[in-house]
Amino acid sequence: MFRLYKGFKELLASSATAAVPFTAAKFYAAAAAAAAAAKSASPKVAQKTWKKPTTSKPKTKKPAALRSETRPTGISKVTPVSPALGQFLGAQQASRTEAVKQIWFYIKSQNLQNPNNRKEIFCDEKLKTIFNGKEKVGFLEIGKMLTPHFVKTT
């Protein structure tokens, strides 16, 4: 559109020097009016302003704490246990993970898993004291059965 407008402008300028028919000036005026209408009808696009890059100092990170220095929480936290579980484990305090490890060690050493269904555990007299006197326990039940043996501290 701009080229057409520029061409008409040159044509008008040359019309003053040369004999140009009146229709060209008339055509230019119509084209200029159309260009002005099109320009006002088109939405104005906001100019993008580029942000200046900031030169701030990079943040210094704190060195990560070693795992041995952090306090254990959750299932790794050592808590007091019930007398029955304490007698089985040989300690009055234990973490949940250590208790489960020792129970599984006992189950495997005594060969208490059902040979046909390895998910079942046959309880002997020592395990019955922990598992509420049940004859069989599923391996997923061990964690649930240990919950009452861990004393909640506030």
Protein backbone atom coordinates (compact mmCIF):
# COMPACT_ATOMS: atom_id res chain seq x y z
CA MET A 1 0.00 0.00 0.00
CA PHE A 2 2.86 2.32 0.84
CA ARG A 3 4.45 1.83 -2.60
CA LEU A 4 1.22 2.78 -4.29
CA TYR A 5 0.94 5.87 -2.11
CA LYS A 6 4.56 6.82 -2.85
CA GLY A 7 4.01 6.32 -6.56
CA PHE A 8 1.00 8.65 -6.57
CA LYS A 9 2.93 11.23 -4.63
CA GLU A 10 5.66 11.20 -7.26
CA LEU A 11 3.05 11.39 -9.98
CA LEU A 12 1.53 14.50 -8.44
CA ALA A 13 4.92 16.11 -8.02
CA SER A 14 5.70 15.45 -11.63
CA SER A 15 2.24 16.72 -12.65
CA ALA A 16 3.25 20.23 -11.66
CA THR A 17 6.14 20.10 -14.10
CA ALA A 18 4.53 18.10 -16.85
CA ALA A 19 1.09 18.09 -18.25
CA VAL A 20 -0.70 15.24 -16.50
CA PRO A 21 -4.36 14.63 -17.02
CA PHE A 22 -6.67 15.62 -14.18
CA THR A 23 -7.81 12.02 -13.69
CA ALA A 24 -4.45 11.07 -12.17
CA ALA A 25 -4.82 13.71 -9.44
CA LYS A 26 -8.37 12.59 -8.85
CA PHE A 27 -7.21 8.98 -8.59
CA TYR A 28 -4.45 9.99 -6.18
CA ALA A 29 -6.89 11.77 -3.90
CA ALA A 30 -9.15 8.70 -3.83
CA ALA A 31 -6.21 6.40 -3.11
CA ALA A 32 -4.93 8.70 -0.37
CA ALA A 33 -8.38 8.72 1.27
CA ALA A 34 -8.56 4.91 1.06
CA ALA A 35 -5.08 4.60 2.57
CA ALA A 36 -6.00 6.92 5.44
CA ALA A 37 -9.17 4.94 6.12
CA ALA A 38 -7.27 1.64 6.08
CA LYS A 39 -4.63 3.05 8.38
CA SER A 40 -7.15 4.24 10.96
CA ALA A 41 -9.13 0.97 10.76
CA SER A 42 -6.12 -1.28 11.46
CA PRO A 43 -5.40 -1.84 15.15
CA LYS A 44 -2.29 -0.21 16.44
CA VAL A 45 0.36 -2.63 17.50
CA ALA A 46 2.13 -1.78 20.70
CA GLN A 47 5.81 -1.37 20.25
CA LYS A 48 7.92 -3.90 22.06
CA THR A 49 10.25 -2.49 24.60
CA TRP A 50 13.27 -4.62 25.19
CA LYS A 51 14.32 -5.00 28.76
CA LYS A 52 17.85 -4.19 29.60
CA PRO A 53 19.67 -7.23 30.93
CA THR A 54 20.23 -6.93 34.63
CA THR A 55 23.68 -7.33 36.04
CA SER A 56 22.75 -8.62 39.47
CA LYS A 57 25.06 -10.87 41.41
CA PRO A 58 24.30 -14.57 41.21
CA LYS A 59 22.91 -16.04 44.40
CA THR A 60 25.31 -18.13 46.38
CA LYS A 61 24.01 -21.53 47.33
CA LYS A 62 24.50 -22.99 50.75
CA PRO A 63 26.45 -26.23 50.77
CA ALA A 64 24.16 -29.21 51.10
CA ALA A 65 24.10 -30.84 54.51
CA LEU A 66 25.51 -34.32 54.65
CA ARG A 67 22.97 -37.04 55.24
CA SER A 68 24.79 -38.24 58.33
CA GLU A 69 24.43 -34.78 59.89
CA THR A 70 20.68 -34.46 59.29
CA ARG A 71 18.25 -35.72 61.91
CA PRO A 72 16.31 -38.80 60.87
CA THR A 73 12.57 -38.30 60.48
CA GLY A 74 9.59 -40.45 59.60
CA ILE A 75 10.27 -44.19 59.46
CA SER A 76 14.01 -43.63 60.05
CA LYS A 77 13.46 -41.93 63.41
CA VAL A 78 14.35 -43.97 66.47
CA THR A 79 11.35 -44.17 68.81
CA PRO A 80 10.44 -46.20 71.91
CA VAL A 81 8.76 -49.54 71.18
CA SER A 82 6.32 -51.73 73.08
CA PRO A 83 7.70 -54.31 75.53
CA ALA A 84 6.74 -57.21 73.22
CA LEU A 85 8.58 -55.73 70.22
CA GLY A 86 11.43 -54.61 72.47
CA GLN A 87 11.91 -58.20 73.67
CA PHE A 88 11.86 -59.47 70.08
CA LEU A 89 14.36 -56.85 68.86
CA GLY A 90 16.49 -56.82 72.00
CA ALA A 91 16.24 -53.03 72.34
CA GLN A 92 13.70 -50.65 73.86
CA GLN A 93 14.10 -48.10 71.04
CA ALA A 94 14.27 -48.74 67.30
CA SER A 95 13.41 -47.17 63.99
CA ARG A 96 10.60 -48.64 61.95
CA THR A 97 12.96 -49.63 59.15
CA GLU A 98 15.31 -51.47 61.52
CA ALA A 99 12.39 -53.33 63.11
CA VAL A 100 11.11 -54.51 59.71
CA LYS A 101 14.63 -55.55 58.65
CA GLN A 102 15.14 -57.62 61.79
CA ILE A 103 11.71 -59.26 61.47
CA TRP A 104 12.43 -60.22 57.87
CA PHE A 105 15.85 -61.54 58.85
CA TYR A 106 14.17 -63.71 61.50
CA ILE A 107 11.51 -64.94 59.04
CA LYS A 108 14.08 -65.93 56.42
CA SER A 109 16.49 -67.52 58.91
CA GLN A 110 13.69 -69.62 60.44
CA ASN A 111 12.22 -70.43 56.97
CA LEU A 112 8.73 -69.24 57.94
CA GLN A 113 7.50 -68.26 54.47
CA ASN A 114 4.89 -70.47 52.82
CA PRO A 115 6.74 -72.36 50.03
CA ASN A 116 3.65 -72.33 47.78
CA ASN A 117 2.79 -68.67 48.37
CA ARG A 118 5.85 -66.62 49.35
CA LYS A 119 3.59 -63.71 50.33
CA GLU A 120 2.34 -65.65 53.36
CA ILE A 121 4.31 -65.97 56.57
CA PHE A 122 3.67 -68.69 59.11
CA CYS A 123 4.01 -67.28 62.61
CA ASP A 124 5.86 -69.20 65.30
CA GLU A 125 5.45 -68.46 69.02
CA LYS A 126 7.94 -65.58 68.93
CA LEU A 127 6.18 -63.85 66.00
CA LYS A 128 2.72 -64.44 67.46
CA THR A 129 3.63 -62.14 70.35
CA ILE A 130 4.14 -59.30 67.86
CA PHE A 131 1.35 -60.13 65.40
CA ASN A 132 -1.55 -60.44 67.88
CA GLY A 133 -1.51 -64.26 67.97
CA LYS A 134 -2.24 -64.77 64.26
CA GLU A 135 -1.21 -68.03 62.61
CA LYS A 136 -0.57 -66.53 59.16
CA VAL A 137 0.36 -62.99 58.16
CA GLY A 138 0.63 -61.52 54.67
CA PHE A 139 3.89 -59.73 53.96
CA LEU A 140 2.01 -56.47 53.37
CA GLU A 141 0.40 -56.80 56.80
CA ILE A 142 3.71 -56.66 58.66
CA GLY A 143 3.87 -52.86 58.56
CA LYS A 144 0.27 -52.54 59.69
CA MET A 145 0.75 -55.01 62.52
CA LEU A 146 3.83 -53.11 63.78
CA THR A 147 2.04 -49.75 64.07
CA PRO A 148 0.63 -50.28 67.58
CA HIS A 149 4.09 -51.34 68.83
CA PHE A 150 5.62 -47.91 68.18
CA VAL A 151 4.79 -45.54 71.01
CA LYS A 152 3.86 -42.07 69.83
CA THR A 153 5.84 -39.30 71.48
CA THR A 154 4.78 -35.69 71.42
